[in-house]
C-alpha atoms as a PDB file:
ATOM      1  CA  MET A   1     172.406 160.452 -87.649  1.00  0.00           C
ATOM      2  CA  ARG A   2     176.166 160.788 -87.088  1.00  0.00           C
ATOM      3  CA  PRO A   3     178.401 157.978 -85.671  1.00  0.00           C
ATOM      4  CA  HIS A   4     179.490 158.341 -82.030  1.00  0.00           C
ATOM      5  CA  GLY A   5     182.864 156.916 -82.657  1.00  0.00           C
ATOM      6  CA  THR A   6     183.983 157.035 -79.235  1.00  0.00           C
ATOM      7  CA  ALA A   7     180.659 154.687 -78.194  1.00  0.00           C
ATOM      8  CA  ILE A   8     181.645 152.540 -80.812  1.00  0.00           C
ATOM      9  CA  ARG A   9     185.210 152.103 -79.724  1.00  0.00           C
ATOM     10  CA  ASP A  10     183.742 151.673 -76.001  1.00  0.00           C
ATOM     11  CA  ILE A  11     181.494 149.003 -76.998  1.00  0.00           C
ATOM     12  CA  ARG A  12     184.056 147.152 -79.033  1.00  0.00           C
ATOM     13  CA  ASN A  13     186.628 147.172 -76.537  1.00  0.00           C
ATOM     14  CA  GLY A  14     184.213 146.233 -73.812  1.00  0.00           C
ATOM     15  CA  GLN A  15     183.394 143.393 -76.102  1.00  0.00           C
ATOM     16  CA  ASN A  16     186.953 142.313 -76.235  1.00  0.00           C
ATOM     17  CA  LEU A  17     186.738 143.083 -80.008  1.00  0.00           C
ATOM     18  CA  GLY A  18     189.587 144.127 -82.246  1.00  0.00           C
ATOM     19  CA  LEU A  19     189.162 146.602 -85.146  1.00  0.00           C
ATOM     20  CA  ARG A  20     189.705 143.899 -87.598  1.00  0.00           C
ATOM     21  CA  ALA A  21     187.146 141.524 -85.776  1.00  0.00           C
ATOM     22  CA  LEU A  22     184.356 144.129 -85.671  1.00  0.00           C
ATOM     23  CA  ALA A  23     185.123 145.127 -89.471  1.00  0.00           C
ATOM     24  CA  GLU A  24     184.740 141.601 -90.299  1.00  0.00           C
ATOM     25  CA  ARG A  25     181.733 140.988 -88.523  1.00  0.00           C
ATOM     26  CA  ALA A  26     180.125 144.201 -90.013  1.00  0.00           C
ATOM     27  CA  GLY A  27     181.434 143.502 -93.449  1.00  0.00           C
ATOM     28  CA  ILE A  28     183.011 146.784 -93.676  1.00  0.00           C
ATOM     29  CA  ASP A  29     186.198 147.980 -94.232  1.00  0.00           C
ATOM     30  CA  ARG A  30     188.766 148.354 -91.563  1.00  0.00           C
ATOM     31  CA  GLY A  31     190.155 151.376 -92.342  1.00  0.00           C
ATOM     32  CA  HIS A  32     186.796 152.936 -92.788  1.00  0.00           C
ATOM     33  CA  LEU A  33     185.612 151.783 -89.488  1.00  0.00           C
ATOM     34  CA  SER A  34     188.734 153.345 -88.090  1.00  0.00           C
ATOM     35  CA  ARG A  35     187.928 156.442 -89.369  1.00  0.00           C
ATOM     36  CA  ILE A  36     184.641 156.414 -88.137  1.00  0.00           C
ATOM     37  CA  GLU A  37     185.962 155.709 -84.644  1.00  0.00           C
ATOM     38  CA  ARG A  38     188.215 158.654 -84.956  1.00  0.00           C
ATOM     39  CA  GLY A  39     185.447 161.079 -86.329  1.00  0.00           C
ATOM     40  CA  GLU A  40     186.829 161.757 -89.507  1.00  0.00           C
ATOM     41  CA  VAL A  41     183.859 160.341 -91.197  1.00  0.00           C
ATOM     42  CA  ARG A  42     180.911 162.374 -90.320  1.00  0.00           C
ATOM     43  CA  ASN A  43     178.242 161.024 -92.565  1.00  0.00           C
ATOM     44  CA  PRO A  44     178.748 157.327 -93.418  1.00  0.00           C
ATOM     45  CA  ALA A  45     175.802 155.123 -95.332  1.00  0.00           C
ATOM     46  CA  SER A  46     172.890 154.557 -92.834  1.00  0.00           C
ATOM     47  CA  THR A  47     173.540 150.630 -93.775  1.00  0.00           C
ATOM     48  CA  THR A  48     177.174 150.940 -92.424  1.00  0.00           C
ATOM     49  CA  LEU A  49     175.619 152.185 -88.996  1.00  0.00           C
ATOM     50  CA  HIS A  50     173.203 149.565 -89.025  1.00  0.00           C
ATOM     51  CA  ARG A  51     175.918 147.024 -89.769  1.00  0.00           C
ATOM     52  CA  ILE A  52     178.172 148.128 -87.218  1.00  0.00           C
ATOM     53  CA  ALA A  53     175.171 148.086 -84.664  1.00  0.00           C
ATOM     54  CA  ALA A  54     174.217 144.548 -85.694  1.00  0.00           C
ATOM     55  CA  ALA A  55     177.853 143.185 -85.316  1.00  0.00           C
ATOM     56  CA  LEU A  56     178.029 144.672 -81.925  1.00  0.00           C
ATOM     57  CA  LYS A  57     174.434 143.641 -81.088  1.00  0.00           C
ATOM     58  CA  VAL A  58     173.597 147.138 -79.783  1.00  0.00           C
ATOM     59  CA  PRO A  59     170.660 149.303 -81.115  1.00  0.00           C
ATOM     60  CA  VAL A  60     171.839 152.151 -83.646  1.00  0.00           C
ATOM     61  CA  ASP A  61     170.859 154.732 -81.157  1.00  0.00           C
ATOM     62  CA  ALA A  62     173.922 153.377 -78.937  1.00  0.00           C
ATOM     63  CA  ILE A  63     176.405 154.288 -81.396  1.00  0.00           C
ATOM     64  CA  THR A  64     175.091 157.551 -83.189  1.00  0.00           C
ATOM     65  CA  ILE A  65     174.686 160.930 -82.254  1.00  0.00           C
ATOM     66  CA  THR A  66     171.275 162.499 -83.201  1.00  0.00           C
ATOM     67  CA  GLU A  67     171.993 166.319 -84.392  1.00  0.00           C
ATOM     68  CA  GLU A  68     169.289 168.537 -83.348  1.00  0.00           C
ATOM     69  CA  LYS A  69     168.158 170.981 -86.221  1.00  0.00           C
ATOM     70  CA  THR A  70     168.346 174.850 -85.456  1.00  0.00           C
ATOM     71  CA  THR A  71     165.703 177.034 -86.816  1.00  0.00           C
END
């Protein structure tokens, strides 16, 4: 599971939430959230993604990209 930074930012903005407000709601560092949104963190802890999703009140699937494995 990889975070979809653009989706996180779009949902956050759609809910009129600032970066700081979402970080506080999710209980994570604002800088870390910013890096996730910009795509600089490719593999955050799954608990982090679950916290972000819960804070945004969306399913985790709405803010992640499932990478397909190639054989």
